[in-house]
Amino acid sequence: LVDIDAETFNIDPQRIAEAVTEKTR
């Protein structure tokens, strides 16, 4: 789970990029 954008309430792409690991599919 990663944080959301404060204005749209949708998932924040920047937080997605930060959370990617070798296990991410």
mmCIF file of all heavy atoms, coordinates in Angstrom:
data_MODEL
# 
_entry.id   MODEL 
# 
loop_
_atom_site.group_PDB 
_atom_site.id 
_atom_site.type_symbol 
_atom_site.label_atom_id 
_atom_site.label_alt_id 
_atom_site.label_comp_id 
_atom_site.label_asym_id 
_atom_site.label_entity_id 
_atom_site.label_seq_id 
_atom_site.pdbx_PDB_ins_code 
_atom_site.Cartn_x 
_atom_site.Cartn_y 
_atom_site.Cartn_z 
_atom_site.occupancy 
_atom_site.B_iso_or_equiv 
_atom_site.pdbx_formal_charge 
_atom_site.auth_seq_id 
_atom_site.auth_comp_id 
_atom_site.auth_asym_id 
_atom_site.auth_atom_id 
_atom_site.pdbx_PDB_model_num 
ATOM 1   N N   . LEU A 1 1  ? 0.831   -1.196  0.000   1.00 0.00 ? 1  LEU A N   1 
ATOM 2   C CA  . LEU A 1 1  ? 0.000   0.000   0.000   1.00 0.00 ? 1  LEU A CA  1 
ATOM 3   C C   . LEU A 1 1  ? 0.865   1.245   0.000   1.00 0.00 ? 1  LEU A C   1 
ATOM 4   O O   . LEU A 1 1  ? 1.767   1.390   0.836   1.00 0.00 ? 1  LEU A O   1 
ATOM 5   C CB  . LEU A 1 1  ? -0.921  0.010   1.221   1.00 0.00 ? 1  LEU A CB  1 
ATOM 6   C CG  . LEU A 1 1  ? -1.783  -1.241  1.428   1.00 0.00 ? 1  LEU A CG  1 
ATOM 7   C CD1 . LEU A 1 1  ? -2.652  -1.095  2.677   1.00 0.00 ? 1  LEU A CD1 1 
ATOM 8   C CD2 . LEU A 1 1  ? -2.645  -1.519  0.207   1.00 0.00 ? 1  LEU A CD2 1 
ATOM 9   N N   . VAL A 1 2  ? 0.591   2.146   -0.942  1.00 0.00 ? 2  VAL A N   1 
ATOM 10  C CA  . VAL A 1 2  ? 1.309   3.415   -0.993  1.00 0.00 ? 2  VAL A CA  1 
ATOM 11  C C   . VAL A 1 2  ? 0.301   4.560   -0.936  1.00 0.00 ? 2  VAL A C   1 
ATOM 12  O O   . VAL A 1 2  ? -0.883  4.374   -1.199  1.00 0.00 ? 2  VAL A O   1 
ATOM 13  C CB  . VAL A 1 2  ? 2.184   3.526   -2.248  1.00 0.00 ? 2  VAL A CB  1 
ATOM 14  C CG1 . VAL A 1 2  ? 3.199   2.388   -2.297  1.00 0.00 ? 2  VAL A CG1 1 
ATOM 15  C CG2 . VAL A 1 2  ? 1.350   3.555   -3.514  1.00 0.00 ? 2  VAL A CG2 1 
ATOM 16  N N   . ASP A 1 3  ? 0.773   5.735   -0.622  1.00 0.00 ? 3  ASP A N   1 
ATOM 17  C CA  . ASP A 1 3  ? -0.120  6.852   -0.327  1.00 0.00 ? 3  ASP A CA  1 
ATOM 18  C C   . ASP A 1 3  ? -0.791  7.401   -1.585  1.00 0.00 ? 3  ASP A C   1 
ATOM 19  O O   . ASP A 1 3  ? -0.405  7.104   -2.719  1.00 0.00 ? 3  ASP A O   1 
ATOM 20  C CB  . ASP A 1 3  ? 0.642   7.953   0.393   1.00 0.00 ? 3  ASP A CB  1 
ATOM 21  C CG  . ASP A 1 3  ? -0.223  8.670   1.432   1.00 0.00 ? 3  ASP A CG  1 
ATOM 22  O OD1 . ASP A 1 3  ? -1.457  8.452   1.457   1.00 0.00 ? 3  ASP A OD1 1 
ATOM 23  O OD2 . ASP A 1 3  ? 0.340   9.435   2.241   1.00 0.00 ? 3  ASP A OD2 1 
ATOM 24  N N   . ILE A 1 4  ? -1.797  8.217   -1.344  1.00 0.00 ? 4  ILE A N   1 
ATOM 25  C CA  . ILE A 1 4  ? -2.607  8.789   -2.407  1.00 0.00 ? 4  ILE A CA  1 
ATOM 26  C C   . ILE A 1 4  ? -2.238  10.248  -2.638  1.00 0.00 ? 4  ILE A C   1 
ATOM 27  O O   . ILE A 1 4  ? -1.571  10.883  -1.815  1.00 0.00 ? 4  ILE A O   1 
ATOM 28  C CB  . ILE A 1 4  ? -4.107  8.671   -2.090  1.00 0.00 ? 4  ILE A CB  1 
ATOM 29  C CG1 . ILE A 1 4  ? -4.460  9.440   -0.804  1.00 0.00 ? 4  ILE A CG1 1 
ATOM 30  C CG2 . ILE A 1 4  ? -4.501  7.214   -1.966  1.00 0.00 ? 4  ILE A CG2 1 
ATOM 31  C CD1 . ILE A 1 4  ? -5.950  9.490   -0.496  1.00 0.00 ? 4  ILE A CD1 1 
ATOM 32  N N   . ASP A 1 5  ? -2.678  10.760  -3.759  1.00 0.00 ? 5  ASP A N   1 
ATOM 33  C CA  . ASP A 1 5  ? -2.510  12.176  -4.073  1.00 0.00 ? 5  ASP A CA  1 
ATOM 34  C C   . ASP A 1 5  ? -3.533  12.983  -3.280  1.00 0.00 ? 5  ASP A C   1 
ATOM 35  O O   . ASP A 1 5  ? -4.719  12.624  -3.223  1.00 0.00 ? 5  ASP A O   1 
ATOM 36  C CB  . ASP A 1 5  ? -2.711  12.397  -5.573  1.00 0.00 ? 5  ASP A CB  1 
ATOM 37  C CG  . ASP A 1 5  ? -2.597  13.852  -5.958  1.00 0.00 ? 5  ASP A CG  1 
ATOM 38  O OD1 . ASP A 1 5  ? -1.463  14.341  -6.091  1.00 0.00 ? 5  ASP A OD1 1 
ATOM 39  O OD2 . ASP A 1 5  ? -3.653  14.501  -6.113  1.00 0.00 ? 5  ASP A OD2 1 
ATOM 40  N N   . ALA A 1 6  ? -3.117  14.078  -2.687  1.00 0.00 ? 6  ALA A N   1 
ATOM 41  C CA  . ALA A 1 6  ? -3.990  14.845  -1.803  1.00 0.00 ? 6  ALA A CA  1 
ATOM 42  C C   . ALA A 1 6  ? -5.131  15.529  -2.526  1.00 0.00 ? 6  ALA A C   1 
ATOM 43  O O   . ALA A 1 6  ? -6.157  15.843  -1.915  1.00 0.00 ? 6  ALA A O   1 
ATOM 44  C CB  . ALA A 1 6  ? -3.162  15.893  -1.048  1.00 0.00 ? 6  ALA A CB  1 
ATOM 45  N N   . GLU A 1 7  ? -5.005  15.740  -3.831  1.00 0.00 ? 7  GLU A N   1 
ATOM 46  C CA  . GLU A 1 7  ? -6.024  16.474  -4.570  1.00 0.00 ? 7  GLU A CA  1 
ATOM 47  C C   . GLU A 1 7  ? -7.007  15.570  -5.302  1.00 0.00 ? 7  GLU A C   1 
ATOM 48  O O   . GLU A 1 7  ? -8.194  15.858  -5.367  1.00 0.00 ? 7  GLU A O   1 
ATOM 49  C CB  . GLU A 1 7  ? -5.366  17.438  -5.555  1.00 0.00 ? 7  GLU A CB  1 
ATOM 50  C CG  . GLU A 1 7  ? -4.536  18.522  -4.870  1.00 0.00 ? 7  GLU A CG  1 
ATOM 51  C CD  . GLU A 1 7  ? -3.964  19.519  -5.850  1.00 0.00 ? 7  GLU A CD  1 
ATOM 52  O OE1 . GLU A 1 7  ? -4.081  19.295  -7.073  1.00 0.00 ? 7  GLU A OE1 1 
ATOM 53  O OE2 . GLU A 1 7  ? -3.403  20.527  -5.392  1.00 0.00 ? 7  GLU A OE2 1 
ATOM 54  N N   . THR A 1 8  ? -6.516  14.478  -5.862  1.00 0.00 ? 8  THR A N   1 
ATOM 55  C CA  . THR A 1 8  ? -7.401  13.583  -6.619  1.00 0.00 ? 8  THR A CA  1 
ATOM 56  C C   . THR A 1 8  ? -7.914  12.419  -5.787  1.00 0.00 ? 8  THR A C   1 
ATOM 57  O O   . THR A 1 8  ? -8.889  11.763  -6.175  1.00 0.00 ? 8  THR A O   1 
ATOM 58  C CB  . THR A 1 8  ? -6.669  12.996  -7.835  1.00 0.00 ? 8  THR A CB  1 
ATOM 59  O OG1 . THR A 1 8  ? -5.606  12.149  -7.380  1.00 0.00 ? 8  THR A OG1 1 
ATOM 60  C CG2 . THR A 1 8  ? -6.109  14.093  -8.726  1.00 0.00 ? 8  THR A CG2 1 
ATOM 61  N N   . PHE A 1 9  ? -7.260  12.102  -4.672  1.00 0.00 ? 9  PHE A N   1 
ATOM 62  C CA  . PHE A 1 9  ? -7.547  10.951  -3.812  1.00 0.00 ? 9  PHE A CA  1 
ATOM 63  C C   . PHE A 1 9  ? -7.161  9.632   -4.483  1.00 0.00 ? 9  PHE A C   1 
ATOM 64  O O   . PHE A 1 9  ? -7.388  8.564   -3.913  1.00 0.00 ? 9  PHE A O   1 
ATOM 65  C CB  . PHE A 1 9  ? -9.018  10.883  -3.378  1.00 0.00 ? 9  PHE A CB  1 
ATOM 66  C CG  . PHE A 1 9  ? -9.596  12.173  -2.878  1.00 0.00 ? 9  PHE A CG  1 
ATOM 67  C CD1 . PHE A 1 9  ? -10.952 12.459  -3.036  1.00 0.00 ? 9  PHE A CD1 1 
ATOM 68  C CD2 . PHE A 1 9  ? -8.809  13.124  -2.237  1.00 0.00 ? 9  PHE A CD2 1 
ATOM 69  C CE1 . PHE A 1 9  ? -11.506 13.639  -2.571  1.00 0.00 ? 9  PHE A CE1 1 
ATOM 70  C CE2 . PHE A 1 9  ? -9.352  14.324  -1.766  1.00 0.00 ? 9  PHE A CE2 1 
ATOM 71  C CZ  . PHE A 1 9  ? -10.708 14.579  -1.940  1.00 0.00 ? 9  PHE A CZ  1 
ATOM 72  N N   . ASN A 1 10 ? -6.607  9.682   -5.679  1.00 0.00 ? 10 ASN A N   1 
ATOM 73  C CA  . ASN A 1 10 ? -6.129  8.488   -6.368  1.00 0.00 ? 10 ASN A CA  1 
ATOM 74  C C   . ASN A 1 10 ? -4.691  8.183   -5.968  1.00 0.00 ? 10 ASN A C   1 
ATOM 75  O O   . ASN A 1 10 ? -3.982  9.037   -5.415  1.00 0.00 ? 10 ASN A O   1 
ATOM 76  C CB  . ASN A 1 10 ? -6.203  8.677   -7.890  1.00 0.00 ? 10 ASN A CB  1 
ATOM 77  C CG  . ASN A 1 10 ? -7.570  8.360   -8.445  1.00 0.00 ? 10 ASN A CG  1 
ATOM 78  O OD1 . ASN A 1 10 ? -8.255  7.478   -7.949  1.00 0.00 ? 10 ASN A OD1 1 
ATOM 79  N ND2 . ASN A 1 10 ? -7.978  9.076   -9.486  1.00 0.00 ? 10 ASN A ND2 1 
ATOM 80  N N   . ILE A 1 11 ? -4.235  6.976   -6.284  1.00 0.00 ? 11 ILE A N   1 
ATOM 81  C CA  . ILE A 1 11 ? -2.878  6.560   -5.953  1.00 0.00 ? 11 ILE A CA  1 
ATOM 82  C C   . ILE A 1 11 ? -1.860  7.533   -6.539  1.00 0.00 ? 11 ILE A C   1 
ATOM 83  O O   . ILE A 1 11 ? -2.018  8.028   -7.659  1.00 0.00 ? 11 ILE A O   1 
ATOM 84  C CB  . ILE A 1 11 ? -2.640  5.112   -6.439  1.00 0.00 ? 11 ILE A CB  1 
ATOM 85  C CG1 . ILE A 1 11 ? -1.356  4.537   -5.842  1.00 0.00 ? 11 ILE A CG1 1 
ATOM 86  C CG2 . ILE A 1 11 ? -2.656  5.028   -7.965  1.00 0.00 ? 11 ILE A CG2 1 
ATOM 87  C CD1 . ILE A 1 11 ? -1.227  3.031   -6.044  1.00 0.00 ? 11 ILE A CD1 1 
ATOM 88  N N   . ASP A 1 12 ? -0.818  7.815   -5.777  1.00 0.00 ? 12 ASP A N   1 
ATOM 89  C CA  . ASP A 1 12 ? 0.209   8.778   -6.166  1.00 0.00 ? 12 ASP A CA  1 
ATOM 90  C C   . ASP A 1 12 ? 1.307   8.046   -6.944  1.00 0.00 ? 12 ASP A C   1 
ATOM 91  O O   . ASP A 1 12 ? 2.018   7.205   -6.385  1.00 0.00 ? 12 ASP A O   1 
ATOM 92  C CB  . ASP A 1 12 ? 0.804   9.412   -4.904  1.00 0.00 ? 12 ASP A CB  1 
ATOM 93  C CG  . ASP A 1 12 ? 1.784   10.538  -5.203  1.00 0.00 ? 12 ASP A CG  1 
ATOM 94  O OD1 . ASP A 1 12 ? 2.328   10.579  -6.325  1.00 0.00 ? 12 ASP A OD1 1 
ATOM 95  O OD2 . ASP A 1 12 ? 2.028   11.365  -4.303  1.00 0.00 ? 12 ASP A OD2 1 
ATOM 96  N N   . PRO A 1 13 ? 1.478   8.334   -8.236  1.00 0.00 ? 13 PRO A N   1 
ATOM 97  C CA  . PRO A 1 13 ? 2.485   7.621   -9.028  1.00 0.00 ? 13 PRO A CA  1 
ATOM 98  C C   . PRO A 1 13 ? 3.896   7.717   -8.462  1.00 0.00 ? 13 PRO A C   1 
ATOM 99  O O   . PRO A 1 13 ? 4.688   6.771   -8.579  1.00 0.00 ? 13 PRO A O   1 
ATOM 100 C CB  . PRO A 1 13 ? 2.391   8.284   -10.401 1.00 0.00 ? 13 PRO A CB  1 
ATOM 101 C CG  . PRO A 1 13 ? 0.998   8.807   -10.466 1.00 0.00 ? 13 PRO A CG  1 
ATOM 102 C CD  . PRO A 1 13 ? 0.684   9.259   -9.070  1.00 0.00 ? 13 PRO A CD  1 
ATOM 103 N N   . GLN A 1 14 ? 4.227   8.844   -7.848  1.00 0.00 ? 14 GLN A N   1 
ATOM 104 C CA  . GLN A 1 14 ? 5.567   8.982   -7.278  1.00 0.00 ? 14 GLN A CA  1 
ATOM 105 C C   . GLN A 1 14 ? 5.795   7.946   -6.186  1.00 0.00 ? 14 GLN A C   1 
ATOM 106 O O   . GLN A 1 14 ? 6.887   7.371   -6.069  1.00 0.00 ? 14 GLN A O   1 
ATOM 107 C CB  . GLN A 1 14 ? 5.766   10.389  -6.719  1.00 0.00 ? 14 GLN A CB  1 
ATOM 108 C CG  . GLN A 1 14 ? 7.155   10.621  -6.124  1.00 0.00 ? 14 GLN A CG  1 
ATOM 109 C CD  . GLN A 1 14 ? 7.346   12.031  -5.608  1.00 0.00 ? 14 GLN A CD  1 
ATOM 110 O OE1 . GLN A 1 14 ? 6.619   12.941  -5.992  1.00 0.00 ? 14 GLN A OE1 1 
ATOM 111 N NE2 . GLN A 1 14 ? 8.323   12.221  -4.727  1.00 0.00 ? 14 GLN A NE2 1 
ATOM 112 N N   . ARG A 1 15 ? 4.753   7.688   -5.393  1.00 0.00 ? 15 ARG A N   1 
ATOM 113 C CA  . ARG A 1 15 ? 4.867   6.690   -4.316  1.00 0.00 ? 15 ARG A CA  1 
ATOM 114 C C   . ARG A 1 15 ? 4.965   5.273   -4.897  1.00 0.00 ? 15 ARG A C   1 
ATOM 115 O O   . ARG A 1 15 ? 5.609   4.403   -4.321  1.00 0.00 ? 15 ARG A O   1 
ATOM 116 C CB  . ARG A 1 15 ? 3.675   6.785   -3.374  1.00 0.00 ? 15 ARG A CB  1 
ATOM 117 C CG  . ARG A 1 15 ? 3.468   8.166   -2.764  1.00 0.00 ? 15 ARG A CG  1 
ATOM 118 C CD  . ARG A 1 15 ? 4.698   8.621   -2.000  1.00 0.00 ? 15 ARG A CD  1 
ATOM 119 N NE  . ARG A 1 15 ? 4.564   10.000  -1.573  1.00 0.00 ? 15 ARG A NE  1 
ATOM 120 C CZ  . ARG A 1 15 ? 5.570   10.869  -1.485  1.00 0.00 ? 15 ARG A CZ  1 
ATOM 121 N NH1 . ARG A 1 15 ? 6.797   10.486  -1.817  1.00 0.00 ? 15 ARG A NH1 1 
ATOM 122 N NH2 . ARG A 1 15 ? 5.372   12.096  -1.077  1.00 0.00 ? 15 ARG A NH2 1 
ATOM 123 N N   . ILE A 1 16 ? 4.315   5.048   -6.029  1.00 0.00 ? 16 ILE A N   1 
ATOM 124 C CA  . ILE A 1 16 ? 4.447   3.747   -6.697  1.00 0.00 ? 16 ILE A CA  1 
ATOM 125 C C   . ILE A 1 16 ? 5.905   3.516   -7.065  1.00 0.00 ? 16 ILE A C   1 
ATOM 126 O O   . ILE A 1 16 ? 6.478   2.457   -6.778  1.00 0.00 ? 16 ILE A O   1 
ATOM 127 C CB  . ILE A 1 16 ? 3.569   3.678   -7.960  1.00 0.00 ? 16 ILE A CB  1 
ATOM 128 C CG1 . ILE A 1 16 ? 2.083   3.775   -7.606  1.00 0.00 ? 16 ILE A CG1 1 
ATOM 129 C CG2 . ILE A 1 16 ? 3.846   2.376   -8.719  1.00 0.00 ? 16 ILE A CG2 1 
ATOM 130 C CD1 . ILE A 1 16 ? 1.173   3.864   -8.818  1.00 0.00 ? 16 ILE A CD1 1 
ATOM 131 N N   . ALA A 1 17 ? 6.513   4.498   -7.716  1.00 0.00 ? 17 ALA A N   1 
ATOM 132 C CA  . ALA A 1 17 ? 7.901   4.354   -8.172  1.00 0.00 ? 17 ALA A CA  1 
ATOM 133 C C   . ALA A 1 17 ? 8.838   4.067   -7.013  1.00 0.00 ? 17 ALA A C   1 
ATOM 134 O O   . ALA A 1 17 ? 9.776   3.264   -7.139  1.00 0.00 ? 17 ALA A O   1 
ATOM 135 C CB  . ALA A 1 17 ? 8.329   5.624   -8.915  1.00 0.00 ? 17 ALA A CB  1 
ATOM 136 N N   . GLU A 1 18 ? 8.587   4.690   -5.873  1.00 0.00 ? 18 GLU A N   1 
ATOM 137 C CA  . GLU A 1 18 ? 9.448   4.506   -4.701  1.00 0.00 ? 18 GLU A CA  1 
ATOM 138 C C   . GLU A 1 18 ? 9.291   3.122   -4.076  1.00 0.00 ? 18 GLU A C   1 
ATOM 139 O O   . GLU A 1 18 ? 10.193  2.656   -3.379  1.00 0.00 ? 18 GLU A O   1 
ATOM 140 C CB  . GLU A 1 18 ? 9.125   5.575   -3.658  1.00 0.00 ? 18 GLU A CB  1 
ATOM 141 C CG  . GLU A 1 18 ? 9.461   6.988   -4.095  1.00 0.00 ? 18 GLU A CG  1 
ATOM 142 C CD  . GLU A 1 18 ? 8.902   8.051   -3.161  1.00 0.00 ? 18 GLU A CD  1 
ATOM 143 O OE1 . GLU A 1 18 ? 8.126   7.690   -2.240  1.00 0.00 ? 18 GLU A OE1 1 
ATOM 144 O OE2 . GLU A 1 18 ? 9.233   9.236   -3.364  1.00 0.00 ? 18 GLU A OE2 1 
ATOM 145 N N   . ALA A 1 19 ? 8.153   2.467   -4.318  1.00 0.00 ? 19 ALA A N   1 
ATOM 146 C CA  . ALA A 1 19 ? 7.850   1.197   -3.644  1.00 0.00 ? 19 ALA A CA  1 
ATOM 147 C C   . ALA A 1 19 ? 8.260   -0.035  -4.445  1.00 0.00 ? 19 ALA A C   1 
ATOM 148 O O   . ALA A 1 19 ? 8.174   -1.155  -3.943  1.00 0.00 ? 19 ALA A O   1 
ATOM 149 C CB  . ALA A 1 19 ? 6.355   1.127   -3.339  1.00 0.00 ? 19 ALA A CB  1 
ATOM 150 N N   . VAL A 1 20 ? 8.691   0.147   -5.698  1.00 0.00 ? 20 VAL A N   1 
ATOM 151 C CA  . VAL A 1 20 ? 9.041   -1.000  -6.544  1.00 0.00 ? 20 VAL A CA  1 
ATOM 152 C C   . VAL A 1 20 ? 10.289  -1.701  -6.008  1.00 0.00 ? 20 VAL A C   1 
ATOM 153 O O   . VAL A 1 20 ? 11.297  -1.063  -5.699  1.00 0.00 ? 20 VAL A O   1 
ATOM 154 C CB  . VAL A 1 20 ? 9.264   -0.555  -8.003  1.00 0.00 ? 20 VAL A CB  1 
ATOM 155 C CG1 . VAL A 1 20 ? 9.775   -1.720  -8.843  1.00 0.00 ? 20 VAL A CG1 1 
ATOM 156 C CG2 . VAL A 1 20 ? 7.983   0.006   -8.594  1.00 0.00 ? 20 VAL A CG2 1 
ATOM 157 N N   . THR A 1 21 ? 10.210  -3.037  -5.884  1.00 0.00 ? 21 THR A N   1 
ATOM 158 C CA  . THR A 1 21 ? 11.346  -3.862  -5.477  1.00 0.00 ? 21 THR A CA  1 
ATOM 159 C C   . THR A 1 21 ? 11.481  -5.026  -6.457  1.00 0.00 ? 21 THR A C   1 
ATOM 160 O O   . THR A 1 21 ? 10.705  -5.144  -7.409  1.00 0.00 ? 21 THR A O   1 
ATOM 161 C CB  . THR A 1 21 ? 11.153  -4.419  -4.051  1.00 0.00 ? 21 THR A CB  1 
ATOM 162 O OG1 . THR A 1 21 ? 10.111  -5.407  -4.081  1.00 0.00 ? 21 THR A OG1 1 
ATOM 163 C CG2 . THR A 1 21 ? 10.784  -3.317  -3.065  1.00 0.00 ? 21 THR A CG2 1 
ATOM 164 N N   . GLU A 1 22 ? 12.409  -5.912  -6.187  1.00 0.00 ? 22 GLU A N   1 
ATOM 165 C CA  . GLU A 1 22 ? 12.590  -7.084  -7.040  1.00 0.00 ? 22 GLU A CA  1 
ATOM 166 C C   . GLU A 1 22 ? 11.406  -8.038  -6.964  1.00 0.00 ? 22 GLU A C   1 
ATOM 167 O O   . GLU A 1 22 ? 11.228  -8.894  -7.839  1.00 0.00 ? 22 GLU A O   1 
ATOM 168 C CB  . GLU A 1 22 ? 13.880  -7.831  -6.675  1.00 0.00 ? 22 GLU A CB  1 
ATOM 169 C CG  . GLU A 1 22 ? 13.879  -8.525  -5.327  1.00 0.00 ? 22 GLU A CG  1 
ATOM 170 C CD  . GLU A 1 22 ? 14.141  -7.587  -4.147  1.00 0.00 ? 22 GLU A CD  1 
ATOM 171 O OE1 . GLU A 1 22 ? 14.400  -6.384  -4.386  1.00 0.00 ? 22 GLU A OE1 1 
ATOM 172 O OE2 . GLU A 1 22 ? 14.106  -8.067  -2.994  1.00 0.00 ? 22 GLU A OE2 1 
ATOM 173 N N   . LYS A 1 23 ? 10.562  -7.894  -5.930  1.00 0.00 ? 23 LYS A N   1 
ATOM 174 C CA  . LYS A 1 23 ? 9.392   -8.761  -5.789  1.00 0.00 ? 23 LYS A CA  1 
ATOM 175 C C   . LYS A 1 23 ? 8.149   -8.201  -6.494  1.00 0.00 ? 23 LYS A C   1 
ATOM 176 O O   . LYS A 1 23 ? 7.151   -8.902  -6.635  1.00 0.00 ? 23 LYS A O   1 
ATOM 177 C CB  . LYS A 1 23 ? 9.064   -8.980  -4.314  1.00 0.00 ? 23 LYS A CB  1 
ATOM 178 C CG  . LYS A 1 23 ? 10.108  -9.781  -3.557  1.00 0.00 ? 23 LYS A CG  1 
ATOM 179 C CD  . LYS A 1 23 ? 9.656   -10.007 -2.115  1.00 0.00 ? 23 LYS A CD  1 
ATOM 180 C CE  . LYS A 1 23 ? 10.659  -10.837 -1.346  1.00 0.00 ? 23 LYS A CE  1 
ATOM 181 N NZ  . LYS A 1 23 ? 10.224  -11.073 0.056   1.00 0.00 ? 23 LYS A NZ  1 
ATOM 182 N N   . THR A 1 24 ? 8.204   -6.954  -6.903  1.00 0.00 ? 24 THR A N   1 
ATOM 183 C CA  . THR A 1 24 ? 7.036   -6.313  -7.494  1.00 0.00 ? 24 THR A CA  1 
ATOM 184 C C   . THR A 1 24 ? 6.723   -6.919  -8.859  1.00 0.00 ? 24 THR A C   1 
ATOM 185 O O   . THR A 1 24 ? 7.583   -6.989  -9.729  1.00 0.00 ? 24 THR A O   1 
ATOM 186 C CB  . THR A 1 24 ? 7.255   -4.800  -7.648  1.00 0.00 ? 24 THR A CB  1 
ATOM 187 O OG1 . THR A 1 24 ? 7.662   -4.246  -6.399  1.00 0.00 ? 24 THR A OG1 1 
ATOM 188 C CG2 . THR A 1 24 ? 5.980   -4.123  -8.118  1.00 0.00 ? 24 THR A CG2 1 
ATOM 189 N N   . ARG A 1 25 ? 5.474   -7.350  -9.024  1.00 0.00 ? 25 ARG A N   1 
ATOM 190 C CA  . ARG A 1 25 ? 5.036   -7.920  -10.304 1.00 0.00 ? 25 ARG A CA  1 
ATOM 191 C C   . ARG A 1 25 ? 3.962   -7.077  -10.979 1.00 0.00 ? 25 ARG A C   1 
ATOM 192 O O   . ARG A 1 25 ? 3.714   -7.230  -12.174 1.00 0.00 ? 25 ARG A O   1 
ATOM 193 C CB  . ARG A 1 25 ? 4.482   -9.333  -10.083 1.00 0.00 ? 25 ARG A CB  1 
ATOM 194 C CG  . ARG A 1 25 ? 5.530   -10.387 -9.837  1.00 0.00 ? 25 ARG A CG  1 
ATOM 195 C CD  . ARG A 1 25 ? 6.360   -10.683 -11.070 1.00 0.00 ? 25 ARG A CD  1 
ATOM 196 N NE  . ARG A 1 25 ? 5.532   -10.928 -12.248 1.00 0.00 ? 25 ARG A NE  1 
ATOM 197 C CZ  . ARG A 1 25 ? 4.866   -12.063 -12.486 1.00 0.00 ? 25 ARG A CZ  1 
ATOM 198 N NH1 . ARG A 1 25 ? 4.952   -13.072 -11.631 1.00 0.00 ? 25 ARG A NH1 1 
ATOM 199 N NH2 . ARG A 1 25 ? 4.136   -12.192 -13.577 1.00 0.00 ? 25 ARG A NH2 1 
# 
